[in-house]
PDB file of N, CA and C in Angstrom:
ATOM      1  N   UNK A   1      -8.530 -17.565   7.288  1.00  0.00           N
ATOM      2  CA  UNK A   1      -8.310 -16.192   6.876  1.00  0.00           C
ATOM      3  C   UNK A   1      -9.277 -15.795   5.763  1.00  0.00           C
ATOM      4  N   UNK A   2      -9.561 -16.727   4.877  1.00  0.00           N
ATOM      5  CA  UNK A   2     -10.466 -16.408   3.777  1.00  0.00           C
ATOM      6  C   UNK A   2     -11.859 -16.060   4.305  1.00  0.00           C
ATOM      7  N   UNK A   3     -12.363 -16.870   5.211  1.00  0.00           N
ATOM      8  CA  UNK A   3     -13.683 -16.600   5.792  1.00  0.00           C
ATOM      9  C   UNK A   3     -13.676 -15.277   6.554  1.00  0.00           C
ATOM     10  N   UNK A   4     -12.617 -15.029   7.270  1.00  0.00           N
ATOM     11  CA  UNK A   4     -12.480 -13.799   8.031  1.00  0.00           C
ATOM     12  C   UNK A   4     -12.515 -12.595   7.093  1.00  0.00           C
ATOM     13  N   UNK A   5     -11.796 -12.665   5.974  1.00  0.00           N
ATOM     14  CA  UNK A   5     -11.785 -11.575   4.996  1.00  0.00           C
ATOM     15  C   UNK A   5     -13.182 -11.359   4.414  1.00  0.00           C
ATOM     16  N   UNK A   6     -13.909 -12.437   4.159  1.00  0.00           N
ATOM     17  CA  UNK A   6     -15.285 -12.303   3.648  1.00  0.00           C
ATOM     18  C   UNK A   6     -16.174 -11.599   4.660  1.00  0.00           C
ATOM     19  N   UNK A   7     -16.041 -11.969   5.924  1.00  0.00           N
ATOM     20  CA  UNK A   7     -16.859 -11.364   6.977  1.00  0.00           C
ATOM     21  C   UNK A   7     -16.548  -9.875   7.130  1.00  0.00           C
ATOM     22  N   UNK A   8     -15.270  -9.523   7.138  1.00  0.00           N
ATOM     23  CA  UNK A   8     -14.898  -8.112   7.239  1.00  0.00           C
ATOM     24  C   UNK A   8     -15.381  -7.334   6.025  1.00  0.00           C
ATOM     25  N   UNK A   9     -15.290  -7.937   4.856  1.00  0.00           N
ATOM     26  CA  UNK A   9     -15.763  -7.294   3.638  1.00  0.00           C
ATOM     27  C   UNK A   9     -17.259  -7.031   3.701  1.00  0.00           C
ATOM     28  N   UNK A  10     -18.019  -7.996   4.178  1.00  0.00           N
ATOM     29  CA  UNK A  10     -19.471  -7.826   4.289  1.00  0.00           C
ATOM     30  C   UNK A  10     -19.809  -6.691   5.248  1.00  0.00           C
ATOM     31  N   UNK A  11     -19.068  -6.591   6.336  1.00  0.00           N
ATOM     32  CA  UNK A  11     -19.292  -5.512   7.301  1.00  0.00           C
ATOM     33  C   UNK A  11     -19.005  -4.164   6.641  1.00  0.00           C
ATOM     34  N   UNK A  12     -17.894  -4.099   5.916  1.00  0.00           N
ATOM     35  CA  UNK A  12     -17.519  -2.850   5.258  1.00  0.00           C
ATOM     36  C   UNK A  12     -18.532  -2.486   4.176  1.00  0.00           C
ATOM     37  N   UNK A  13     -18.958  -3.457   3.397  1.00  0.00           N
ATOM     38  CA  UNK A  13     -19.926  -3.200   2.333  1.00  0.00           C
ATOM     39  C   UNK A  13     -21.288  -2.791   2.889  1.00  0.00           C
ATOM     40  N   UNK A  14     -21.538  -3.101   4.157  1.00  0.00           N
ATOM     41  CA  UNK A  14     -22.777  -2.682   4.820  1.00  0.00           C
ATOM     42  C   UNK A  14     -22.679  -1.237   5.306  1.00  0.00           C
ATOM     43  N   UNK A  15     -21.536  -0.589   5.059  1.00  0.00           N
ATOM     44  CA  UNK A  15     -21.386   0.814   5.408  1.00  0.00           C
ATOM     45  C   UNK A  15     -20.657   1.091   6.707  1.00  0.00           C
ATOM     46  N   UNK A  16     -20.081   0.068   7.288  1.00  0.00           N
ATOM     47  CA  UNK A  16     -19.355   0.241   8.549  1.00  0.00           C
ATOM     48  C   UNK A  16     -17.861   0.331   8.248  1.00  0.00           C
ATOM     49  N   UNK A  17     -17.216   1.380   8.774  1.00  0.00           N
ATOM     50  CA  UNK A  17     -15.763   1.476   8.629  1.00  0.00           C
ATOM     51  C   UNK A  17     -15.120   0.392   9.477  1.00  0.00           C
ATOM     52  N   UNK A  18     -14.117  -0.269   8.914  1.00  0.00           N
ATOM     53  CA  UNK A  18     -13.478  -1.394   9.593  1.00  0.00           C
ATOM     54  C   UNK A  18     -12.014  -1.068   9.857  1.00  0.00           C
ATOM     55  N   UNK A  19     -11.601  -1.264  11.097  1.00  0.00           N
ATOM     56  CA  UNK A  19     -10.195  -1.183  11.474  1.00  0.00           C
ATOM     57  C   UNK A  19      -9.873  -2.484  12.191  1.00  0.00           C
ATOM     58  N   UNK A  20      -8.925  -3.207  11.681  1.00  0.00           N
ATOM     59  CA  UNK A  20      -8.527  -4.484  12.263  1.00  0.00           C
ATOM     60  C   UNK A  20      -7.217  -4.296  13.015  1.00  0.00           C
ATOM     61  N   UNK A  21      -7.238  -4.617  14.275  1.00  0.00           N
ATOM     62  CA  UNK A  21      -6.019  -4.601  15.083  1.00  0.00           C
ATOM     63  C   UNK A  21      -5.662  -6.055  15.309  1.00  0.00           C
ATOM     64  N   UNK A  22      -4.476  -6.422  14.900  1.00  0.00           N
ATOM     65  CA  UNK A  22      -4.121  -7.834  14.918  1.00  0.00           C
ATOM     66  C   UNK A  22      -2.715  -8.039  15.458  1.00  0.00           C
ATOM     67  N   UNK A  23      -2.459  -9.243  15.885  1.00  0.00           N
ATOM     68  CA  UNK A  23      -1.106  -9.630  16.252  1.00  0.00           C
ATOM     69  C   UNK A  23      -0.793 -10.901  15.484  1.00  0.00           C
ATOM     70  N   UNK A  24       0.353 -11.417  15.691  1.00  0.00           N
ATOM     71  CA  UNK A  24       0.752 -12.624  14.991  1.00  0.00           C
ATOM     72  C   UNK A  24       2.029 -12.458  14.205  1.00  0.00           C
ATOM     73  N   UNK A  25       2.591 -11.258  14.223  1.00  0.00           N
ATOM     74  CA  UNK A  25       3.799 -11.021  13.443  1.00  0.00           C
ATOM     75  C   UNK A  25       4.965 -11.879  13.925  1.00  0.00           C
ATOM     76  N   UNK A  26       5.094 -12.057  15.219  1.00  0.00           N
ATOM     77  CA  UNK A  26       6.191 -12.891  15.731  1.00  0.00           C
ATOM     78  C   UNK A  26       6.005 -14.331  15.267  1.00  0.00           C
ATOM     79  N   UNK A  27       4.805 -14.861  15.402  1.00  0.00           N
ATOM     80  CA  UNK A  27       4.542 -16.239  14.978  1.00  0.00           C
ATOM     81  C   UNK A  27       4.763 -16.407  13.479  1.00  0.00           C
ATOM     82  N   UNK A  28       4.307 -15.438  12.698  1.00  0.00           N
ATOM     83  CA  UNK A  28       4.518 -15.510  11.249  1.00  0.00           C
ATOM     84  C   UNK A  28       6.002 -15.464  10.911  1.00  0.00           C
ATOM     85  N   UNK A  29       6.736 -14.619  11.618  1.00  0.00           N
ATOM     86  CA  UNK A  29       8.177 -14.541  11.394  1.00  0.00           C
ATOM     87  C   UNK A  29       8.897 -15.810  11.801  1.00  0.00           C
ATOM     88  N   UNK A  30       8.453 -16.404  12.889  1.00  0.00           N
ATOM     89  CA  UNK A  30       9.051 -17.671  13.321  1.00  0.00           C
ATOM     90  C   UNK A  30       8.891 -18.726  12.235  1.00  0.00           C
ATOM     91  N   UNK A  31       7.708 -18.779  11.640  1.00  0.00           N
ATOM     92  CA  UNK A  31       7.473 -19.756  10.567  1.00  0.00           C
ATOM     93  C   UNK A  31       8.392 -19.483   9.383  1.00  0.00           C
ATOM     94  N   UNK A  32       8.527 -18.213   8.996  1.00  0.00           N
ATOM     95  CA  UNK A  32       9.399 -17.841   7.875  1.00  0.00           C
ATOM     96  C   UNK A  32      10.859 -18.192   8.155  1.00  0.00           C
ATOM     97  N   UNK A  33      11.260 -17.992   9.418  1.00  0.00           N
ATOM     98  CA  UNK A  33      12.652 -18.240   9.801  1.00  0.00           C
ATOM     99  C   UNK A  33      12.923 -19.699  10.152  1.00  0.00           C
ATOM    100  N   UNK A  34      11.877 -20.494  10.264  1.00  0.00           N
ATOM    101  CA  UNK A  34      12.046 -21.902  10.611  1.00  0.00           C
ATOM    102  C   UNK A  34      12.295 -22.141  12.085  1.00  0.00           C
ATOM    103  N   UNK A  35      11.939 -21.163  12.913  1.00  0.00           N
ATOM    104  CA  UNK A  35      12.125 -21.308  14.360  1.00  0.00           C
ATOM    105  C   UNK A  35      10.968 -22.088  14.940  1.00  0.00           C
ATOM    106  N   UNK A  36      11.264 -23.063  15.766  1.00  0.00           N
ATOM    107  CA  UNK A  36      10.235 -23.895  16.392  1.00  0.00           C
ATOM    108  C   UNK A  36       9.761 -23.329  17.730  1.00  0.00           C
ATOM    109  N   UNK A  37      10.657 -22.659  18.436  1.00  0.00           N
ATOM    110  CA  UNK A  37      10.357 -22.155  19.772  1.00  0.00           C
ATOM    111  C   UNK A  37      10.354 -20.631  19.769  1.00  0.00           C
ATOM    112  N   UNK A  38       9.347 -20.046  20.421  1.00  0.00           N
ATOM    113  CA  UNK A  38       9.266 -18.586  20.516  1.00  0.00           C
ATOM    114  C   UNK A  38      10.466 -18.069  21.305  1.00  0.00           C
ATOM    115  N   UNK A  39      11.182 -17.082  20.754  1.00  0.00           N
ATOM    116  CA  UNK A  39      12.365 -16.569  21.458  1.00  0.00           C
ATOM    117  C   UNK A  39      11.980 -15.794  22.715  1.00  0.00           C
ATOM    118  N   UNK A  40      12.863 -15.809  23.662  1.00  0.00           N
ATOM    119  CA  UNK A  40      12.659 -15.061  24.907  1.00  0.00           C
ATOM    120  C   UNK A  40      13.291 -13.672  24.810  1.00  0.00           C
ATOM    121  N   UNK A  41      14.358 -13.556  24.026  1.00  0.00           N
ATOM    122  CA  UNK A  41      15.088 -12.301  23.939  1.00  0.00           C
ATOM    123  C   UNK A  41      14.320 -11.284  23.100  1.00  0.00           C
ATOM    124  N   UNK A  42      14.266 -10.052  23.584  1.00  0.00           N
ATOM    125  CA  UNK A  42      13.536  -8.990  22.900  1.00  0.00           C
ATOM    126  C   UNK A  42      14.030  -8.790  21.468  1.00  0.00           C
ATOM    127  N   UNK A  43      15.342  -8.773  21.267  1.00  0.00           N
ATOM    128  CA  UNK A  43      15.896  -8.540  19.932  1.00  0.00           C
ATOM    129  C   UNK A  43      15.446  -9.615  18.945  1.00  0.00           C
ATOM    130  N   UNK A  44      15.365 -10.851  19.401  1.00  0.00           N
ATOM    131  CA  UNK A  44      14.927 -11.934  18.516  1.00  0.00           C
ATOM    132  C   UNK A  44      13.423 -11.846  18.242  1.00  0.00           C
ATOM    133  N   UNK A  45      12.656 -11.426  19.248  1.00  0.00           N
ATOM    134  CA  UNK A  45      11.218 -11.208  19.027  1.00  0.00           C
ATOM    135  C   UNK A  45      11.013 -10.106  17.994  1.00  0.00           C
ATOM    136  N   UNK A  46      11.798  -9.036  18.121  1.00  0.00           N
ATOM    137  CA  UNK A  46      11.696  -7.930  17.174  1.00  0.00           C
ATOM    138  C   UNK A  46      12.096  -8.374  15.770  1.00  0.00           C
ATOM    139  N   UNK A  47      13.122  -9.196  15.677  1.00  0.00           N
ATOM    140  CA  UNK A  47      13.550  -9.699  14.375  1.00  0.00           C
ATOM    141  C   UNK A  47      12.449 -10.562  13.751  1.00  0.00           C
ATOM    142  N   UNK A  48      11.859 -11.436  14.548  1.00  0.00           N
ATOM    143  CA  UNK A  48      10.788 -12.291  14.037  1.00  0.00           C
ATOM    144  C   UNK A  48       9.594 -11.451  13.596  1.00  0.00           C
ATOM    145  N   UNK A  49       9.241 -10.436  14.376  1.00  0.00           N
ATOM    146  CA  UNK A  49       8.127  -9.554  14.022  1.00  0.00           C
ATOM    147  C   UNK A  49       8.422  -8.798  12.734  1.00  0.00           C
ATOM    148  N   UNK A  50       9.660  -8.358  12.566  1.00  0.00           N
ATOM    149  CA  UNK A  50      10.037  -7.625  11.362  1.00  0.00           C
ATOM    150  C   UNK A  50       9.923  -8.501  10.116  1.00  0.00           C
ATOM    151  N   UNK A  51      10.233  -9.767  10.246  1.00  0.00           N
ATOM    152  CA  UNK A  51      10.098 -10.707   9.137  1.00  0.00           C
ATOM    153  C   UNK A  51       8.630 -11.087   8.937  1.00  0.00           C
ATOM    154  N   UNK A  52       7.908 -11.237  10.022  1.00  0.00           N
ATOM    155  CA  UNK A  52       6.532 -11.724   9.946  1.00  0.00           C
ATOM    156  C   UNK A  52       5.503 -10.695   9.526  1.00  0.00           C
ATOM    157  N   UNK A  53       5.711  -9.420   9.853  1.00  0.00           N
ATOM    158  CA  UNK A  53       4.705  -8.403   9.541  1.00  0.00           C
ATOM    159  C   UNK A  53       4.408  -8.295   8.046  1.00  0.00           C
ATOM    160  N   UNK A  54       5.400  -8.242   7.177  1.00  0.00           N
ATOM    161  CA  UNK A  54       5.088  -8.195   5.745  1.00  0.00           C
ATOM    162  C   UNK A  54       4.348  -9.455   5.278  1.00  0.00           C
ATOM    163  N   UNK A  55       4.673 -10.575   5.862  1.00  0.00           N
ATOM    164  CA  UNK A  55       3.981 -11.826   5.516  1.00  0.00           C
ATOM    165  C   UNK A  55       2.507 -11.749   5.890  1.00  0.00           C
ATOM    166  N   UNK A  56       2.221 -11.223   7.075  1.00  0.00           N
ATOM    167  CA  UNK A  56       0.827 -11.059   7.489  1.00  0.00           C
ATOM    168  C   UNK A  56       0.079 -10.146   6.530  1.00  0.00           C
ATOM    169  N   UNK A  57       0.693  -9.036   6.160  1.00  0.00           N
ATOM    170  CA  UNK A  57       0.043  -8.111   5.232  1.00  0.00           C
ATOM    171  C   UNK A  57      -0.190  -8.770   3.883  1.00  0.00           C
ATOM    172  N   UNK A  58       0.729  -9.595   3.449  1.00  0.00           N
ATOM    173  CA  UNK A  58       0.578 -10.320   2.185  1.00  0.00           C
ATOM    174  C   UNK A  58      -0.648 -11.236   2.237  1.00  0.00           C
ATOM    175  N   UNK A  59      -0.818 -11.933   3.336  1.00  0.00           N
ATOM    176  CA  UNK A  59      -1.964 -12.834   3.490  1.00  0.00           C
ATOM    177  C   UNK A  59      -3.265 -12.042   3.547  1.00  0.00           C
ATOM    178  N   UNK A  60      -3.298 -10.971   4.355  1.00  0.00           N
ATOM    179  CA  UNK A  60      -4.497 -10.134   4.422  1.00  0.00           C
ATOM    180  C   UNK A  60      -4.843  -9.569   3.044  1.00  0.00           C
ATOM    181  N   UNK A  61      -3.841  -9.073   2.338  1.00  0.00           N
ATOM    182  CA  UNK A  61      -4.066  -8.491   1.017  1.00  0.00           C
ATOM    183  C   UNK A  61      -4.588  -9.539   0.036  1.00  0.00           C
ATOM    184  N   UNK A  62      -4.034 -10.722   0.071  1.00  0.00           N
ATOM    185  CA  UNK A  62      -4.459 -11.794  -0.838  1.00  0.00           C
ATOM    186  C   UNK A  62      -5.956 -12.084  -0.696  1.00  0.00           C
ATOM    187  N   UNK A  63      -6.394 -12.300   0.522  1.00  0.00           N
ATOM    188  CA  UNK A  63      -7.790 -12.651   0.730  1.00  0.00           C
ATOM    189  C   UNK A  63      -8.713 -11.448   0.585  1.00  0.00           C
ATOM    190  N   UNK A  64      -8.245 -10.264   0.923  1.00  0.00           N
ATOM    191  CA  UNK A  64      -9.085  -9.077   0.783  1.00  0.00           C
ATOM    192  C   UNK A  64      -9.304  -8.714  -0.680  1.00  0.00           C
ATOM    193  N   UNK A  65      -8.303  -8.949  -1.513  1.00  0.00           N
ATOM    194  CA  UNK A  65      -8.452  -8.682  -2.947  1.00  0.00           C
ATOM    195  C   UNK A  65      -9.594  -9.490  -3.543  1.00  0.00           C
ATOM    196  N   UNK A  66      -9.758 -10.710  -3.089  1.00  0.00           N
ATOM    197  CA  UNK A  66     -10.849 -11.556  -3.585  1.00  0.00           C
ATOM    198  C   UNK A  66     -12.211 -10.929  -3.312  1.00  0.00           C
ATOM    199  N   UNK A  67     -12.253 -10.082  -2.281  1.00  0.00           N
ATOM    200  CA  UNK A  67     -13.503  -9.427  -1.890  1.00  0.00           C
ATOM    201  C   UNK A  67     -13.562  -7.983  -2.393  1.00  0.00           C
ATOM    202  N   UNK A  68     -12.599  -7.605  -3.232  1.00  0.00           N
ATOM    203  CA  UNK A  68     -12.509  -6.235  -3.748  1.00  0.00           C
ATOM    204  C   UNK A  68     -12.422  -5.194  -2.629  1.00  0.00           C
ATOM    205  N   UNK A  69     -11.628  -5.498  -1.642  1.00  0.00           N
ATOM    206  CA  UNK A  69     -11.415  -4.614  -0.498  1.00  0.00           C
ATOM    207  C   UNK A  69      -9.918  -4.297  -0.418  1.00  0.00           C
ATOM    208  N   UNK A  70      -9.609  -3.036  -0.212  1.00  0.00           N
ATOM    209  CA  UNK A  70      -8.214  -2.635  -0.059  1.00  0.00           C
ATOM    210  C   UNK A  70      -7.799  -2.738   1.401  1.00  0.00           C
ATOM    211  N   UNK A  71      -6.553  -3.047   1.606  1.00  0.00           N
ATOM    212  CA  UNK A  71      -6.007  -3.099   2.961  1.00  0.00           C
ATOM    213  C   UNK A  71      -4.798  -2.180   3.033  1.00  0.00           C
ATOM    214  N   UNK A  72      -4.520  -1.699   4.222  1.00  0.00           N
ATOM    215  CA  UNK A  72      -3.356  -0.843   4.451  1.00  0.00           C
ATOM    216  C   UNK A  72      -2.856  -1.095   5.861  1.00  0.00           C
ATOM    217  N   UNK A  73      -1.628  -0.750   6.076  1.00  0.00           N
ATOM    218  CA  UNK A  73      -1.035  -0.875   7.410  1.00  0.00           C
ATOM    219  C   UNK A  73      -0.709   0.516   7.918  1.00  0.00           C
ATOM    220  N   UNK A  74      -0.982   0.740   9.174  1.00  0.00           N
ATOM    221  CA  UNK A  74      -0.569   1.998   9.789  1.00  0.00           C
ATOM    222  C   UNK A  74       0.117   1.679  11.107  1.00  0.00           C
ATOM    223  N   UNK A  75       0.926   2.594  11.550  1.00  0.00           N
ATOM    224  CA  UNK A  75       1.692   2.366  12.779  1.00  0.00           C
ATOM    225  C   UNK A  75       1.271   3.346  13.844  1.00  0.00           C
TER     226      UNK A  75
END
């Protein structure tokens, strides 16, 4: 993630607007919840995503701050 943030920062500093579309909220939520197996039920996937999305933003923000780049989430 750190290298990725550096690369995105370099692109942005070169004058290119950057929009990152990412996934991983379910996996991040599973880790937070201690779940080993990806749930099959939609409600559980949604719950994992709801827990994982803020975690993902926290990680993106942490590494982007090192590069003096702001991050935001939009829906």
